[in-house]
């Protein structure tokens, strides 16, 4: 029987070490590099006001989109499509073959479907009464 270990809040050094150890394990197990290439796009007005942007990364042949936000005043005017297309082009140039992302049922499922994404999973009650929706697209 092993002794119980104390569990506590991870320090910044712990987080860095945990990520490095998991990355090393993943590289050894899969043969992939798992190096991440950030994709960070922003759109500003002439006065410098941030009006939209996209944040993601390319890793193991996939673009993972984490954030796509458009100022409500500019929605349905093409900025989201422009950001998404640019991110996909950058990812493809970096060797990505596909894209993965998630959204919520009150956000942008229709937007992504119109851009060729397909739903591959739904997580009900996340948050309660809503769904988290997982989508992918082949580049």
C-alpha atoms as a PDB file:
ATOM      1  CA  UNK A   1       0.000   0.000   0.000  1.00  0.00           C
ATOM      2  CA  UNK A   2       1.462   3.341  -0.998  1.00  0.00           C
ATOM      3  CA  UNK A   3       1.487   6.426   1.149  1.00  0.00           C
ATOM      4  CA  UNK A   4      -1.013   9.128   0.296  1.00  0.00           C
ATOM      5  CA  UNK A   5       0.462  12.178  -1.394  1.00  0.00           C
ATOM      6  CA  UNK A   6      -0.479  15.743  -0.596  1.00  0.00           C
ATOM      7  CA  UNK A   7      -2.401  17.513  -3.351  1.00  0.00           C
ATOM      8  CA  UNK A   8      -2.060  21.271  -3.566  1.00  0.00           C
ATOM      9  CA  UNK A   9      -2.384  24.143  -6.009  1.00  0.00           C
ATOM     10  CA  UNK A  10       0.216  23.856  -8.760  1.00  0.00           C
ATOM     11  CA  UNK A  11       2.929  26.492  -8.947  1.00  0.00           C
ATOM     12  CA  UNK A  12       3.969  28.080 -12.238  1.00  0.00           C
ATOM     13  CA  UNK A  13       7.009  25.770 -12.219  1.00  0.00           C
ATOM     14  CA  UNK A  14       4.753  22.749 -11.627  1.00  0.00           C
ATOM     15  CA  UNK A  15       2.568  23.736 -14.604  1.00  0.00           C
ATOM     16  CA  UNK A  16       5.604  24.110 -16.850  1.00  0.00           C
ATOM     17  CA  UNK A  17       7.046  20.761 -15.719  1.00  0.00           C
ATOM     18  CA  UNK A  18       3.724  18.930 -16.121  1.00  0.00           C
ATOM     19  CA  UNK A  19       3.255  20.250 -19.636  1.00  0.00           C
ATOM     20  CA  UNK A  20       6.833  19.354 -20.602  1.00  0.00           C
ATOM     21  CA  UNK A  21       6.461  15.831 -19.215  1.00  0.00           C
ATOM     22  CA  UNK A  22       3.163  15.212 -21.012  1.00  0.00           C
ATOM     23  CA  UNK A  23       4.630  16.602 -24.229  1.00  0.00           C
ATOM     24  CA  UNK A  24       7.618  14.240 -23.951  1.00  0.00           C
ATOM     25  CA  UNK A  25       5.272  11.300 -23.344  1.00  0.00           C
ATOM     26  CA  UNK A  26       3.097  12.254 -26.338  1.00  0.00           C
ATOM     27  CA  UNK A  27       6.096  12.635 -28.642  1.00  0.00           C
ATOM     28  CA  UNK A  28       7.446   9.229 -27.656  1.00  0.00           C
ATOM     29  CA  UNK A  29       4.084   7.490 -27.963  1.00  0.00           C
ATOM     30  CA  UNK A  30       2.965   9.043 -31.266  1.00  0.00           C
ATOM     31  CA  UNK A  31       6.132   9.865 -33.145  1.00  0.00           C
ATOM     32  CA  UNK A  32       4.774  13.378 -33.793  1.00  0.00           C
ATOM     33  CA  UNK A  33       6.584  16.545 -32.859  1.00  0.00           C
ATOM     34  CA  UNK A  34       3.636  18.161 -31.021  1.00  0.00           C
ATOM     35  CA  UNK A  35       5.378  21.498 -31.456  1.00  0.00           C
ATOM     36  CA  UNK A  36       2.831  24.304 -31.440  1.00  0.00           C
ATOM     37  CA  UNK A  37       2.753  27.160 -33.921  1.00  0.00           C
ATOM     38  CA  UNK A  38       0.539  30.009 -32.727  1.00  0.00           C
ATOM     39  CA  UNK A  39      -2.052  31.535 -35.046  1.00  0.00           C
ATOM     40  CA  UNK A  40      -2.934  34.959 -33.655  1.00  0.00           C
ATOM     41  CA  UNK A  41      -4.946  37.392 -35.751  1.00  0.00           C
ATOM     42  CA  UNK A  42      -6.524  40.732 -34.851  1.00  0.00           C
ATOM     43  CA  UNK A  43      -8.519  43.413 -36.625  1.00  0.00           C
ATOM     44  CA  UNK A  44      -8.489  47.041 -35.442  1.00  0.00           C
ATOM     45  CA  UNK A  45     -10.275  50.210 -36.484  1.00  0.00           C
ATOM     46  CA  UNK A  46      -8.219  53.124 -37.772  1.00  0.00           C
ATOM     47  CA  UNK A  47      -8.148  54.503 -34.236  1.00  0.00           C
ATOM     48  CA  UNK A  48      -6.647  51.249 -32.918  1.00  0.00           C
ATOM     49  CA  UNK A  49      -9.799  49.820 -31.318  1.00  0.00           C
ATOM     50  CA  UNK A  50      -9.814  46.014 -31.364  1.00  0.00           C
ATOM     51  CA  UNK A  51     -12.842  44.899 -33.388  1.00  0.00           C
ATOM     52  CA  UNK A  52     -12.202  41.178 -33.779  1.00  0.00           C
ATOM     53  CA  UNK A  53      -9.667  38.428 -33.636  1.00  0.00           C
ATOM     54  CA  UNK A  54      -8.828  34.754 -33.720  1.00  0.00           C
ATOM     55  CA  UNK A  55      -6.479  32.786 -31.487  1.00  0.00           C
ATOM     56  CA  UNK A  56      -5.392  29.235 -32.123  1.00  0.00           C
ATOM     57  CA  UNK A  57      -2.427  27.009 -32.708  1.00  0.00           C
ATOM     58  CA  UNK A  58      -1.254  24.385 -35.148  1.00  0.00           C
ATOM     59  CA  UNK A  59      -0.144  21.168 -33.491  1.00  0.00           C
ATOM     60  CA  UNK A  60       0.197  17.592 -34.781  1.00  0.00           C
ATOM     61  CA  UNK A  61      -1.309  18.511 -38.145  1.00  0.00           C
ATOM     62  CA  UNK A  62      -4.369  20.278 -36.730  1.00  0.00           C
ATOM     63  CA  UNK A  63      -5.354  23.897 -36.315  1.00  0.00           C
ATOM     64  CA  UNK A  64      -7.131  24.212 -32.970  1.00  0.00           C
ATOM     65  CA  UNK A  65      -9.151  27.419 -32.797  1.00  0.00           C
ATOM     66  CA  UNK A  66      -9.568  28.581 -29.208  1.00  0.00           C
ATOM     67  CA  UNK A  67     -11.036  32.066 -29.659  1.00  0.00           C
ATOM     68  CA  UNK A  68     -12.901  33.785 -32.480  1.00  0.00           C
ATOM     69  CA  UNK A  69     -14.558  37.023 -31.421  1.00  0.00           C
ATOM     70  CA  UNK A  70     -16.124  39.805 -33.469  1.00  0.00           C
ATOM     71  CA  UNK A  71     -17.416  43.087 -32.052  1.00  0.00           C
ATOM     72  CA  UNK A  72     -21.236  42.811 -32.063  1.00  0.00           C
ATOM     73  CA  UNK A  73     -21.470  45.963 -34.213  1.00  0.00           C
ATOM     74  CA  UNK A  74     -19.479  44.242 -36.985  1.00  0.00           C
ATOM     75  CA  UNK A  75     -21.073  40.803 -36.988  1.00  0.00           C
ATOM     76  CA  UNK A  76     -22.543  39.566 -40.274  1.00  0.00           C
ATOM     77  CA  UNK A  77     -20.263  41.894 -42.260  1.00  0.00           C
ATOM     78  CA  UNK A  78     -17.607  39.353 -43.250  1.00  0.00           C
ATOM     79  CA  UNK A  79     -14.895  39.987 -40.660  1.00  0.00           C
ATOM     80  CA  UNK A  80     -15.361  36.583 -39.007  1.00  0.00           C
ATOM     81  CA  UNK A  81     -15.139  34.868 -42.380  1.00  0.00           C
ATOM     82  CA  UNK A  82     -12.011  36.847 -43.237  1.00  0.00           C
ATOM     83  CA  UNK A  83     -10.317  35.874 -39.952  1.00  0.00           C
ATOM     84  CA  UNK A  84     -11.337  32.224 -40.287  1.00  0.00           C
ATOM     85  CA  UNK A  85     -10.078  31.995 -43.874  1.00  0.00           C
ATOM     86  CA  UNK A  86      -6.749  33.622 -42.973  1.00  0.00           C
ATOM     87  CA  UNK A  87      -6.266  31.234 -40.046  1.00  0.00           C
ATOM     88  CA  UNK A  88      -7.052  28.239 -42.243  1.00  0.00           C
ATOM     89  CA  UNK A  89      -4.590  29.453 -44.891  1.00  0.00           C
ATOM     90  CA  UNK A  90      -1.834  29.975 -42.317  1.00  0.00           C
ATOM     91  CA  UNK A  91      -2.501  26.539 -40.838  1.00  0.00           C
ATOM     92  CA  UNK A  92      -2.433  24.854 -44.228  1.00  0.00           C
ATOM     93  CA  UNK A  93       0.863  26.603 -45.069  1.00  0.00           C
ATOM     94  CA  UNK A  94       2.219  25.254 -41.766  1.00  0.00           C
ATOM     95  CA  UNK A  95       1.260  21.710 -42.760  1.00  0.00           C
ATOM     96  CA  UNK A  96      -2.108  21.342 -41.043  1.00  0.00           C
ATOM     97  CA  UNK A  97      -4.611  19.007 -42.663  1.00  0.00           C
ATOM     98  CA  UNK A  98      -7.639  19.786 -40.493  1.00  0.00           C
ATOM     99  CA  UNK A  99      -9.238  22.213 -38.022  1.00  0.00           C
ATOM    100  CA  UNK A 100     -10.944  21.524 -34.700  1.00  0.00           C
ATOM    101  CA  UNK A 101     -12.888  23.955 -32.514  1.00  0.00           C
ATOM    102  CA  UNK A 102     -15.774  24.187 -30.118  1.00  0.00           C
ATOM    103  CA  UNK A 103     -18.614  26.632 -29.638  1.00  0.00           C
ATOM    104  CA  UNK A 104     -21.765  26.881 -27.554  1.00  0.00           C
ATOM    105  CA  UNK A 105     -25.347  26.627 -28.798  1.00  0.00           C
ATOM    106  CA  UNK A 106     -25.857  30.386 -28.328  1.00  0.00           C
ATOM    107  CA  UNK A 107     -22.711  31.277 -30.256  1.00  0.00           C
ATOM    108  CA  UNK A 108     -21.724  30.413 -33.819  1.00  0.00           C
ATOM    109  CA  UNK A 109     -22.663  26.867 -34.864  1.00  0.00           C
ATOM    110  CA  UNK A 110     -24.424  28.119 -38.022  1.00  0.00           C
ATOM    111  CA  UNK A 111     -21.452  30.305 -38.937  1.00  0.00           C
ATOM    112  CA  UNK A 112     -19.071  27.345 -38.833  1.00  0.00           C
ATOM    113  CA  UNK A 113     -21.488  25.052 -40.696  1.00  0.00           C
ATOM    114  CA  UNK A 114     -21.693  27.637 -43.496  1.00  0.00           C
ATOM    115  CA  UNK A 115     -17.882  27.516 -43.712  1.00  0.00           C
ATOM    116  CA  UNK A 116     -17.755  23.767 -44.265  1.00  0.00           C
ATOM    117  CA  UNK A 117     -17.339  22.563 -40.684  1.00  0.00           C
ATOM    118  CA  UNK A 118     -19.138  19.468 -39.444  1.00  0.00           C
ATOM    119  CA  UNK A 119     -20.335  18.673 -35.945  1.00  0.00           C
ATOM    120  CA  UNK A 120     -18.693  15.595 -34.448  1.00  0.00           C
ATOM    121  CA  UNK A 121     -19.862  15.927 -30.880  1.00  0.00           C
ATOM    122  CA  UNK A 122     -22.289  17.626 -28.545  1.00  0.00           C
ATOM    123  CA  UNK A 123     -21.946  17.856 -24.794  1.00  0.00           C
ATOM    124  CA  UNK A 124     -25.362  18.459 -23.204  1.00  0.00           C
ATOM    125  CA  UNK A 125     -25.865  20.588 -20.103  1.00  0.00           C
ATOM    126  CA  UNK A 126     -22.613  22.524 -20.598  1.00  0.00           C
ATOM    127  CA  UNK A 127     -23.718  24.824 -19.028  1.00  0.00           C
ATOM    128  CA  UNK A 128     -27.039  23.431 -17.758  1.00  0.00           C
ATOM    129  CA  UNK A 129     -29.734  23.889 -20.383  1.00  0.00           C
ATOM    130  CA  UNK A 130     -27.223  24.414 -23.204  1.00  0.00           C
ATOM    131  CA  UNK A 131     -24.769  22.453 -25.343  1.00  0.00           C
ATOM    132  CA  UNK A 132     -21.089  22.687 -26.083  1.00  0.00           C
ATOM    133  CA  UNK A 133     -20.617  21.787 -29.746  1.00  0.00           C
ATOM    134  CA  UNK A 134     -17.437  20.315 -31.261  1.00  0.00           C
ATOM    135  CA  UNK A 135     -16.716  20.853 -34.967  1.00  0.00           C
ATOM    136  CA  UNK A 136     -14.012  19.906 -37.459  1.00  0.00           C
ATOM    137  CA  UNK A 137     -13.068  20.604 -41.036  1.00  0.00           C
ATOM    138  CA  UNK A 138     -10.593  19.063 -43.450  1.00  0.00           C
ATOM    139  CA  UNK A 139      -8.399  21.662 -45.120  1.00  0.00           C
END
